[in-house]
Amino acid sequence: GGLPGVFVGGETRAWGPLSTGRVPRGASALVVNVTATEASAPGYIRLAPCDDPNSAVSSVNVVPGVDATNVAVVPLPFDGQVCVF
Protein backbone atom coordinates (compact mmCIF):
# COMPACT_ATOMS: atom_id res chain seq x y z
CA GLY A 1 0.00 0.00 0.00
CA GLY A 2 1.52 3.22 -1.16
CA LEU A 3 0.15 6.61 -2.06
CA PRO A 4 -2.60 6.55 -4.69
CA GLY A 5 -3.75 9.44 -6.79
CA VAL A 6 -2.22 12.17 -8.87
CA PHE A 7 0.85 14.03 -7.64
CA VAL A 8 1.34 17.65 -8.62
CA GLY A 9 4.85 18.93 -9.37
CA GLY A 10 6.54 20.09 -6.16
CA GLU A 11 4.10 18.21 -3.93
CA THR A 12 5.35 16.25 -0.92
CA ARG A 13 3.35 13.53 0.83
CA ALA A 14 4.24 11.68 4.01
CA TRP A 15 3.84 7.91 4.03
CA GLY A 16 3.85 5.74 7.16
CA PRO A 17 4.77 2.24 5.95
CA LEU A 18 4.95 0.93 9.53
CA SER A 19 1.16 1.35 9.79
CA THR A 20 0.62 -1.28 7.07
CA GLY A 21 1.74 -4.07 9.40
CA ARG A 22 4.06 -5.37 6.66
CA VAL A 23 7.24 -3.78 7.95
CA PRO A 24 8.77 -5.31 11.07
CA ARG A 25 9.48 -2.99 14.00
CA GLY A 26 13.17 -2.24 14.17
CA ALA A 27 13.62 -2.25 10.38
CA SER A 28 16.22 0.29 9.29
CA ALA A 29 15.37 0.50 5.59
CA LEU A 30 12.69 -0.30 3.04
CA VAL A 31 13.02 -1.85 -0.38
CA VAL A 32 10.13 -0.48 -2.43
CA ASN A 33 8.95 -0.59 -6.01
CA VAL A 34 8.27 2.97 -7.20
CA THR A 35 5.92 3.28 -10.17
CA ALA A 36 4.86 6.37 -12.11
CA THR A 37 2.15 6.27 -14.76
CA GLU A 38 0.47 8.85 -16.97
CA ALA A 39 3.05 11.60 -16.35
CA SER A 40 2.03 14.91 -17.89
CA ALA A 41 5.52 16.43 -17.73
CA PRO A 42 9.10 15.22 -17.31
CA GLY A 43 10.34 14.96 -13.76
CA TYR A 44 11.27 12.56 -11.01
CA ILE A 45 9.98 10.98 -7.81
CA ARG A 46 12.22 11.02 -4.75
CA LEU A 47 11.77 9.08 -1.50
CA ALA A 48 13.54 10.02 1.74
CA PRO A 49 13.00 10.06 5.49
CA CYS A 50 10.75 13.04 6.25
CA ASP A 51 13.19 14.25 8.90
CA ASP A 52 16.05 14.38 6.34
CA PRO A 53 14.55 15.22 2.92
CA ASN A 54 17.90 16.18 1.39
CA SER A 55 19.40 12.73 1.94
CA ALA A 56 17.85 11.11 -1.13
CA VAL A 57 18.39 11.04 -4.85
CA SER A 58 15.83 10.44 -7.55
CA SER A 59 14.04 7.11 -7.10
CA VAL A 60 12.45 7.08 -10.56
CA ASN A 61 12.63 9.48 -13.51
CA VAL A 62 9.43 10.14 -15.44
CA VAL A 63 8.72 11.06 -19.05
CA PRO A 64 5.27 11.84 -20.48
CA GLY A 65 3.73 8.85 -22.23
CA VAL A 66 6.05 6.32 -20.60
CA ASP A 67 5.26 4.28 -17.49
CA ALA A 68 8.34 4.17 -15.27
CA THR A 69 9.28 1.89 -12.42
CA ASN A 70 12.33 1.36 -10.26
CA VAL A 71 13.35 -0.39 -7.05
CA ALA A 72 14.55 1.98 -4.33
CA VAL A 73 16.17 1.41 -0.95
CA VAL A 74 14.96 4.05 1.49
CA PRO A 75 16.35 4.57 5.00
CA LEU A 76 13.56 4.18 7.55
CA PRO A 77 13.71 6.82 10.29
CA PHE A 78 12.79 6.15 13.91
CA ASP A 79 9.30 7.69 13.48
CA GLY A 80 8.68 5.58 10.36
CA GLN A 81 7.69 8.53 8.17
CA VAL A 82 8.95 8.45 4.60
CA CYS A 83 8.27 11.43 2.35
CA VAL A 84 7.55 11.17 -1.34
CA PHE A 85 8.65 14.26 -3.27
PDB file of N, CA and C in Angstrom:
ATOM      1  N   GLY A   1       0.819  -1.183   0.000  1.00  0.00           N
ATOM      2  CA  GLY A   1       0.000   0.000   0.000  1.00  0.00           C
ATOM      3  C   GLY A   1       0.858   1.239   0.000  1.00  0.00           C
ATOM      4  N   GLY A   2       0.763   1.982  -1.040  1.00  0.00           N
ATOM      5  CA  GLY A   2       1.516   3.222  -1.156  1.00  0.00           C
ATOM      6  C   GLY A   2       0.600   4.420  -1.152  1.00  0.00           C
ATOM      7  N   LEU A   3       0.896   5.366  -1.988  1.00  0.00           N
ATOM      8  CA  LEU A   3       0.145   6.614  -2.057  1.00  0.00           C
ATOM      9  C   LEU A   3      -0.572   6.700  -3.405  1.00  0.00           C
ATOM     10  N   PRO A   4      -1.857   6.486  -3.424  1.00  0.00           N
ATOM     11  CA  PRO A   4      -2.597   6.547  -4.687  1.00  0.00           C
ATOM     12  C   PRO A   4      -2.888   7.987  -5.098  1.00  0.00           C
ATOM     13  N   GLY A   5      -3.308   8.143  -6.313  1.00  0.00           N
ATOM     14  CA  GLY A   5      -3.752   9.445  -6.786  1.00  0.00           C
ATOM     15  C   GLY A   5      -2.689  10.192  -7.553  1.00  0.00           C
ATOM     16  N   VAL A   6      -3.076  11.331  -8.042  1.00  0.00           N
ATOM     17  CA  VAL A   6      -2.223  12.170  -8.868  1.00  0.00           C
ATOM     18  C   VAL A   6      -1.356  13.061  -7.993  1.00  0.00           C
ATOM     19  N   PHE A   7      -0.071  13.099  -8.284  1.00  0.00           N
ATOM     20  CA  PHE A   7       0.851  14.025  -7.636  1.00  0.00           C
ATOM     21  C   PHE A   7       0.995  15.248  -8.527  1.00  0.00           C
ATOM     22  N   VAL A   8       1.101  16.401  -7.915  1.00  0.00           N
ATOM     23  CA  VAL A   8       1.339  17.647  -8.617  1.00  0.00           C
ATOM     24  C   VAL A   8       2.809  18.001  -8.433  1.00  0.00           C
ATOM     25  N   GLY A   9       3.443  18.552  -9.464  1.00  0.00           N
ATOM     26  CA  GLY A   9       4.846  18.930  -9.368  1.00  0.00           C
ATOM     27  C   GLY A   9       5.131  19.736  -8.120  1.00  0.00           C
ATOM     28  N   GLY A  10       6.162  19.381  -7.384  1.00  0.00           N
ATOM     29  CA  GLY A  10       6.536  20.086  -6.164  1.00  0.00           C
ATOM     30  C   GLY A  10       5.812  19.618  -4.917  1.00  0.00           C
ATOM     31  N   GLU A  11       4.866  18.713  -5.078  1.00  0.00           N
ATOM     32  CA  GLU A  11       4.098  18.214  -3.929  1.00  0.00           C
ATOM     33  C   GLU A  11       4.928  17.219  -3.123  1.00  0.00           C
ATOM     34  N   THR A  12       4.726  17.216  -1.813  1.00  0.00           N
ATOM     35  CA  THR A  12       5.347  16.248  -0.921  1.00  0.00           C
ATOM     36  C   THR A  12       4.247  15.591  -0.103  1.00  0.00           C
ATOM     37  N   ARG A  13       4.307  14.270  -0.010  1.00  0.00           N
ATOM     38  CA  ARG A  13       3.354  13.531   0.831  1.00  0.00           C
ATOM     39  C   ARG A  13       4.120  12.626   1.776  1.00  0.00           C
ATOM     40  N   ALA A  14       3.660  12.589   3.016  1.00  0.00           N
ATOM     41  CA  ALA A  14       4.242  11.684   4.008  1.00  0.00           C
ATOM     42  C   ALA A  14       3.559  10.330   3.896  1.00  0.00           C
ATOM     43  N   TRP A  15       4.336   9.282   4.104  1.00  0.00           N
ATOM     44  CA  TRP A  15       3.840   7.913   4.028  1.00  0.00           C
ATOM     45  C   TRP A  15       4.366   7.178   5.252  1.00  0.00           C
ATOM     46  N   GLY A  16       3.477   6.491   5.961  1.00  0.00           N
ATOM     47  CA  GLY A  16       3.846   5.738   7.156  1.00  0.00           C
ATOM     48  C   GLY A  16       3.793   4.246   6.905  1.00  0.00           C
ATOM     49  N   PRO A  17       4.811   3.659   6.286  1.00  0.00           N
ATOM     50  CA  PRO A  17       4.765   2.238   5.947  1.00  0.00           C
ATOM     51  C   PRO A  17       4.664   1.311   7.156  1.00  0.00           C
ATOM     52  N   LEU A  18       5.061   1.781   8.343  1.00  0.00           N
ATOM     53  CA  LEU A  18       4.945   0.925   9.529  1.00  0.00           C
ATOM     54  C   LEU A  18       3.485   0.631   9.853  1.00  0.00           C
ATOM     55  N   SER A  19       2.577   1.534   9.480  1.00  0.00           N
ATOM     56  CA  SER A  19       1.159   1.346   9.790  1.00  0.00           C
ATOM     57  C   SER A  19       0.510   0.251   8.952  1.00  0.00           C
ATOM     58  N   THR A  20       1.194  -0.230   7.924  1.00  0.00           N
ATOM     59  CA  THR A  20       0.622  -1.281   7.073  1.00  0.00           C
ATOM     60  C   THR A  20       0.696  -2.645   7.743  1.00  0.00           C
ATOM     61  N   GLY A  21       1.560  -2.771   8.755  1.00  0.00           N
ATOM     62  CA  GLY A  21       1.744  -4.067   9.400  1.00  0.00           C
ATOM     63  C   GLY A  21       2.653  -4.998   8.612  1.00  0.00           C
ATOM     64  N   ARG A  22       3.193  -4.532   7.500  1.00  0.00           N
ATOM     65  CA  ARG A  22       4.059  -5.365   6.656  1.00  0.00           C
ATOM     66  C   ARG A  22       5.541  -5.126   6.898  1.00  0.00           C
ATOM     67  N   VAL A  23       5.848  -4.111   7.667  1.00  0.00           N
ATOM     68  CA  VAL A  23       7.243  -3.780   7.950  1.00  0.00           C
ATOM     69  C   VAL A  23       7.517  -4.109   9.407  1.00  0.00           C
ATOM     70  N   PRO A  24       8.498  -4.959   9.672  1.00  0.00           N
ATOM     71  CA  PRO A  24       8.767  -5.307  11.068  1.00  0.00           C
ATOM     72  C   PRO A  24       9.329  -4.131  11.858  1.00  0.00           C
ATOM     73  N   ARG A  25       8.917  -4.017  13.107  1.00  0.00           N
ATOM     74  CA  ARG A  25       9.478  -2.995  13.998  1.00  0.00           C
ATOM     75  C   ARG A  25      10.983  -3.223  14.082  1.00  0.00           C
ATOM     76  N   GLY A  26      11.710  -2.141  14.108  1.00  0.00           N
ATOM     77  CA  GLY A  26      13.165  -2.242  14.166  1.00  0.00           C
ATOM     78  C   GLY A  26      13.827  -2.253  12.801  1.00  0.00           C
ATOM     79  N   ALA A  27      13.041  -2.286  11.722  1.00  0.00           N
ATOM     80  CA  ALA A  27      13.623  -2.249  10.384  1.00  0.00           C
ATOM     81  C   ALA A  27      14.343  -0.925  10.196  1.00  0.00           C
ATOM     82  N   SER A  28      15.458  -0.934   9.487  1.00  0.00           N
ATOM     83  CA  SER A  28      16.224   0.294   9.285  1.00  0.00           C
ATOM     84  C   SER A  28      16.113   0.834   7.861  1.00  0.00           C
ATOM     85  N   ALA A  29      15.527   0.048   6.973  1.00  0.00           N
ATOM     86  CA  ALA A  29      15.375   0.500   5.589  1.00  0.00           C
ATOM     87  C   ALA A  29      14.215  -0.241   4.938  1.00  0.00           C
ATOM     88  N   LEU A  30      13.738   0.326   3.839  1.00  0.00           N
ATOM     89  CA  LEU A  30      12.687  -0.299   3.038  1.00  0.00           C
ATOM     90  C   LEU A  30      13.223  -0.547   1.640  1.00  0.00           C
ATOM     91  N   VAL A  31      12.796  -1.624   1.041  1.00  0.00           N
ATOM     92  CA  VAL A  31      13.017  -1.845  -0.379  1.00  0.00           C
ATOM     93  C   VAL A  31      11.638  -1.748  -1.005  1.00  0.00           C
ATOM     94  N   VAL A  32      11.447  -0.748  -1.864  1.00  0.00           N
ATOM     95  CA  VAL A  32      10.127  -0.482  -2.430  1.00  0.00           C
ATOM     96  C   VAL A  32      10.199  -0.406  -3.944  1.00  0.00           C
ATOM     97  N   ASN A  33       9.088  -0.751  -4.575  1.00  0.00           N
ATOM     98  CA  ASN A  33       8.947  -0.588  -6.009  1.00  0.00           C
ATOM     99  C   ASN A  33       8.223   0.741  -6.227  1.00  0.00           C
ATOM    100  N   VAL A  34       8.852   1.660  -6.927  1.00  0.00           N
ATOM    101  CA  VAL A  34       8.271   2.971  -7.202  1.00  0.00           C
ATOM    102  C   VAL A  34       7.781   2.964  -8.645  1.00  0.00           C
ATOM    103  N   THR A  35       6.509   3.289  -8.839  1.00  0.00           N
ATOM    104  CA  THR A  35       5.924   3.278 -10.173  1.00  0.00           C
ATOM    105  C   THR A  35       5.250   4.610 -10.468  1.00  0.00           C
ATOM    106  N   ALA A  36       5.508   5.136 -11.646  1.00  0.00           N
ATOM    107  CA  ALA A  36       4.862   6.366 -12.109  1.00  0.00           C
ATOM    108  C   ALA A  36       4.159   6.072 -13.427  1.00  0.00           C
ATOM    109  N   THR A  37       2.908   6.465 -13.526  1.00  0.00           N
ATOM    110  CA  THR A  37       2.155   6.268 -14.762  1.00  0.00           C
ATOM    111  C   THR A  37       1.477   7.580 -15.156  1.00  0.00           C
ATOM    112  N   GLU A  38       1.222   7.713 -16.420  1.00  0.00           N
ATOM    113  CA  GLU A  38       0.472   8.847 -16.966  1.00  0.00           C
ATOM    114  C   GLU A  38       1.072  10.204 -16.598  1.00  0.00           C
ATOM    115  N   ALA A  39       2.389  10.316 -16.646  1.00  0.00           N
ATOM    116  CA  ALA A  39       3.046  11.599 -16.355  1.00  0.00           C
ATOM    117  C   ALA A  39       2.639  12.628 -17.401  1.00  0.00           C
ATOM    118  N   SER A  40       2.383  13.843 -16.959  1.00  0.00           N
ATOM    119  CA  SER A  40       2.027  14.911 -17.889  1.00  0.00           C
ATOM    120  C   SER A  40       3.214  15.810 -18.216  1.00  0.00           C
ATOM    121  N   ALA A  41       4.316  15.637 -17.494  1.00  0.00           N
ATOM    122  CA  ALA A  41       5.523  16.429 -17.727  1.00  0.00           C
ATOM    123  C   ALA A  41       6.729  15.622 -17.263  1.00  0.00           C
ATOM    124  N   PRO A  42       7.912  15.928 -17.793  1.00  0.00           N
ATOM    125  CA  PRO A  42       9.104  15.225 -17.312  1.00  0.00           C
ATOM    126  C   PRO A  42       9.391  15.595 -15.856  1.00  0.00           C
ATOM    127  N   GLY A  43       9.996  14.685 -15.147  1.00  0.00           N
ATOM    128  CA  GLY A  43      10.341  14.957 -13.757  1.00  0.00           C
ATOM    129  C   GLY A  43      10.904  13.736 -13.077  1.00  0.00           C
ATOM    130  N   TYR A  44      10.759  13.693 -11.776  1.00  0.00           N
ATOM    131  CA  TYR A  44      11.268  12.561 -11.007  1.00  0.00           C
ATOM    132  C   TYR A  44      10.459  12.424  -9.726  1.00  0.00           C
ATOM    133  N   ILE A  45      10.562  11.250  -9.121  1.00  0.00           N
ATOM    134  CA  ILE A  45       9.984  10.977  -7.806  1.00  0.00           C
ATOM    135  C   ILE A  45      11.156  10.650  -6.890  1.00  0.00           C
ATOM    136  N   ARG A  46      11.129  11.216  -5.694  1.00  0.00           N
ATOM    137  CA  ARG A  46      12.216  11.015  -4.748  1.00  0.00           C
ATOM    138  C   ARG A  46      11.626  10.576  -3.418  1.00  0.00           C
ATOM    139  N   LEU A  47      12.181   9.548  -2.806  1.00  0.00           N
ATOM    140  CA  LEU A  47      11.771   9.079  -1.495  1.00  0.00           C
ATOM    141  C   LEU A  47      12.898   9.313  -0.508  1.00  0.00           C
ATOM    142  N   ALA A  48      12.538   9.771   0.706  1.00  0.00           N
ATOM    143  CA  ALA A  48      13.537  10.024   1.741  1.00  0.00           C
ATOM    144  C   ALA A  48      12.842  10.066   3.085  1.00  0.00           C
ATOM    145  N   PRO A  49      13.587   9.851   4.170  1.00  0.00           N
ATOM    146  CA  PRO A  49      12.997  10.056   5.489  1.00  0.00           C
ATOM    147  C   PRO A  49      12.492  11.485   5.591  1.00  0.00           C
ATOM    148  N   CYS A  50      11.312  11.685   6.149  1.00  0.00           N
ATOM    149  CA  CYS A  50      10.750  13.038   6.254  1.00  0.00           C
ATOM    150  C   CYS A  50      11.616  13.967   7.090  1.00  0.00           C
ATOM    151  N   ASP A  51      12.354  13.405   8.056  1.00  0.00           N
ATOM    152  CA  ASP A  51      13.189  14.253   8.903  1.00  0.00           C
ATOM    153  C   ASP A  51      14.523  14.608   8.253  1.00  0.00           C
ATOM    154  N   ASP A  52      14.800  14.082   7.061  1.00  0.00           N
ATOM    155  CA  ASP A  52      16.046  14.384   6.344  1.00  0.00           C
ATOM    156  C   ASP A  52      15.787  14.352   4.840  1.00  0.00           C
ATOM    157  N   PRO A  53      14.965  15.279   4.322  1.00  0.00           N
ATOM    158  CA  PRO A  53      14.552  15.222   2.920  1.00  0.00           C
ATOM    159  C   PRO A  53      15.668  15.417   1.916  1.00  0.00           C
ATOM    160  N   ASN A  54      16.801  15.958   2.326  1.00  0.00           N
ATOM    161  CA  ASN A  54      17.898  16.177   1.390  1.00  0.00           C
ATOM    162  C   ASN A  54      18.821  14.974   1.252  1.00  0.00           C
ATOM    163  N   SER A  55      18.508  13.883   1.945  1.00  0.00           N
ATOM    164  CA  SER A  55      19.397  12.726   1.940  1.00  0.00           C
ATOM    165  C   SER A  55      19.189  11.802   0.751  1.00  0.00           C
ATOM    166  N   ALA A  56      18.188  12.067  -0.078  1.00  0.00           N
ATOM    167  CA  ALA A  56      17.852  11.111  -1.132  1.00  0.00           C
ATOM    168  C   ALA A  56      18.173  11.643  -2.523  1.00  0.00           C
ATOM    169  N   VAL A  57      18.265  10.713  -3.433  1.00  0.00           N
ATOM    170  CA  VAL A  57      18.391  11.039  -4.848  1.00  0.00           C
ATOM    171  C   VAL A  57      17.123  10.561  -5.545  1.00  0.00           C
ATOM    172  N   SER A  58      16.997  10.844  -6.809  1.00  0.00           N
ATOM    173  CA  SER A  58      15.826  10.437  -7.555  1.00  0.00           C
ATOM    174  C   SER A  58      15.614   8.933  -7.453  1.00  0.00           C
ATOM    175  N   SER A  59      14.369   8.525  -7.166  1.00  0.00           N
ATOM    176  CA  SER A  59      14.036   7.108  -7.095  1.00  0.00           C
ATOM    177  C   SER A  59      13.530   6.588  -8.430  1.00  0.00           C
ATOM    178  N   VAL A  60      12.876   7.452  -9.203  1.00  0.00           N
ATOM    179  CA  VAL A  60      12.448   7.085 -10.555  1.00  0.00           C
ATOM    180  C   VAL A  60      12.293   8.372 -11.365  1.00  0.00           C
ATOM    181  N   ASN A  61      12.776   8.350 -12.597  1.00  0.00           N
ATOM    182  CA  ASN A  61      12.631   9.483 -13.507  1.00  0.00           C
ATOM    183  C   ASN A  61      11.409   9.236 -14.375  1.00  0.00           C
ATOM    184  N   VAL A  62      10.652  10.303 -14.663  1.00  0.00           N
ATOM    185  CA  VAL A  62       9.425  10.144 -15.442  1.00  0.00           C
ATOM    186  C   VAL A  62       9.476  10.977 -16.709  1.00  0.00           C
ATOM    187  N   VAL A  63       8.823  10.431 -17.742  1.00  0.00           N
ATOM    188  CA  VAL A  63       8.719  11.056 -19.048  1.00  0.00           C
ATOM    189  C   VAL A  63       7.269  10.915 -19.483  1.00  0.00           C
ATOM    190  N   PRO A  64       6.660  11.961 -20.025  1.00  0.00           N
ATOM    191  CA  PRO A  64       5.271  11.839 -20.481  1.00  0.00           C
ATOM    192  C   PRO A  64       5.111  10.699 -21.489  1.00  0.00           C
ATOM    193  N   GLY A  65       4.031   9.943 -21.320  1.00  0.00           N
ATOM    194  CA  GLY A  65       3.726   8.852 -22.234  1.00  0.00           C
ATOM    195  C   GLY A  65       4.446   7.552 -21.956  1.00  0.00           C
ATOM    196  N   VAL A  66       5.284   7.527 -20.924  1.00  0.00           N
ATOM    197  CA  VAL A  66       6.053   6.319 -20.603  1.00  0.00           C
ATOM    198  C   VAL A  66       5.812   5.964 -19.138  1.00  0.00           C
ATOM    199  N   ASP A  67       5.354   4.746 -18.872  1.00  0.00           N
ATOM    200  CA  ASP A  67       5.255   4.282 -17.494  1.00  0.00           C
ATOM    201  C   ASP A  67       6.668   3.970 -17.012  1.00  0.00           C
ATOM    202  N   ALA A  68       6.986   4.354 -15.797  1.00  0.00           N
ATOM    203  CA  ALA A  68       8.337   4.171 -15.268  1.00  0.00           C
ATOM    204  C   ALA A  68       8.269   3.486 -13.918  1.00  0.00           C
ATOM    205  N   THR A  69       9.207   2.576 -13.692  1.00  0.00           N
ATOM    206  CA  THR A  69       9.276   1.885 -12.416  1.00  0.00           C
ATOM    207  C   THR A  69      10.734   1.669 -12.036  1.00  0.00           C
ATOM    208  N   ASN A  70      10.982   1.579 -10.744  1.00  0.00           N
ATOM    209  CA  ASN A  70      12.333   1.355 -10.257  1.00  0.00           C
ATOM    210  C   ASN A  70      12.249   0.809  -8.838  1.00  0.00           C
ATOM    211  N   VAL A  71      13.249   0.074  -8.437  1.00  0.00           N
ATOM    212  CA  VAL A  71      13.355  -0.390  -7.055  1.00  0.00           C
ATOM    213  C   VAL A  71      14.234   0.607  -6.314  1.00  0.00           C
ATOM    214  N   ALA A  72      13.787   1.018  -5.130  1.00  0.00           N
ATOM    215  CA  ALA A  72      14.548   1.975  -4.333  1.00  0.00           C
ATOM    216  C   ALA A  72      14.742   1.435  -2.922  1.00  0.00           C
ATOM    217  N   VAL A  73      15.899   1.712  -2.353  1.00  0.00           N
ATOM    218  CA  VAL A  73      16.168   1.405  -0.947  1.00  0.00           C
ATOM    219  C   VAL A  73      16.096   2.732  -0.208  1.00  0.00           C
ATOM    220  N   VAL A  74      15.207   2.808   0.780  1.00  0.00           N
ATOM    221  CA  VAL A  74      14.958   4.049   1.494  1.00  0.00           C
ATOM    222  C   VAL A  74      15.257   3.840   2.975  1.00  0.00           C
ATOM    223  N   PRO A  75      16.130   4.669   3.560  1.00  0.00           N
ATOM    224  CA  PRO A  75      16.352   4.574   5.004  1.00  0.00           C
ATOM    225  C   PRO A  75      15.038   4.816   5.746  1.00  0.00           C
ATOM    226  N   LEU A  76      14.795   4.048   6.771  1.00  0.00           N
ATOM    227  CA  LEU A  76      13.563   4.178   7.549  1.00  0.00           C
ATOM    228  C   LEU A  76      13.891   4.874   8.864  1.00  0.00           C
ATOM    229  N   PRO A  77      13.393   6.097   9.063  1.00  0.00           N
ATOM    230  CA  PRO A  77      13.707   6.823  10.291  1.00  0.00           C
ATOM    231  C   PRO A  77      12.967   6.233  11.495  1.00  0.00           C
ATOM    232  N   PHE A  78      13.364   6.660  12.675  1.00  0.00           N
ATOM    233  CA  PHE A  78      12.788   6.153  13.913  1.00  0.00           C
ATOM    234  C   PHE A  78      11.265   6.313  13.946  1.00  0.00           C
ATOM    235  N   ASP A  79      10.757   7.465  13.451  1.00  0.00           N
ATOM    236  CA  ASP A  79       9.305   7.686  13.482  1.00  0.00           C
ATOM    237  C   ASP A  79       8.562   6.965  12.358  1.00  0.00           C
ATOM    238  N   GLY A  80       9.296   6.370  11.433  1.00  0.00           N
ATOM    239  CA  GLY A  80       8.680   5.583  10.364  1.00  0.00           C
ATOM    240  C   GLY A  80       8.084   6.386   9.229  1.00  0.00           C
ATOM    241  N   GLN A  81       8.284   7.692   9.213  1.00  0.00           N
ATOM    242  CA  GLN A  81       7.686   8.531   8.173  1.00  0.00           C
ATOM    243  C   GLN A  81       8.649   8.719   6.995  1.00  0.00           C
ATOM    244  N   VAL A  82       8.205   8.274   5.834  1.00  0.00           N
ATOM    245  CA  VAL A  82       8.952   8.448   4.602  1.00  0.00           C
ATOM    246  C   VAL A  82       8.195   9.472   3.762  1.00  0.00           C
ATOM    247  N   CYS A  83       8.915  10.427   3.195  1.00  0.00           N
ATOM    248  CA  CYS A  83       8.266  11.434   2.350  1.00  0.00           C
ATOM    249  C   CYS A  83       8.512  11.128   0.887  1.00  0.00           C
ATOM    250  N   VAL A  84       7.481  11.336   0.107  1.00  0.00           N
ATOM    251  CA  VAL A  84       7.554  11.171  -1.342  1.00  0.00           C
ATOM    252  C   VAL A  84       7.495  12.574  -1.929  1.00  0.00           C
ATOM    253  N   PHE A  85       8.536  12.938  -2.662  1.00  0.00           N
ATOM    254  CA  PHE A  85       8.646  14.263  -3.269  1.00  0.00           C
ATOM    255  C   PHE A  85       8.426  14.150  -4.756  1.00  0.00           C
TER     256      PHE A  85
END
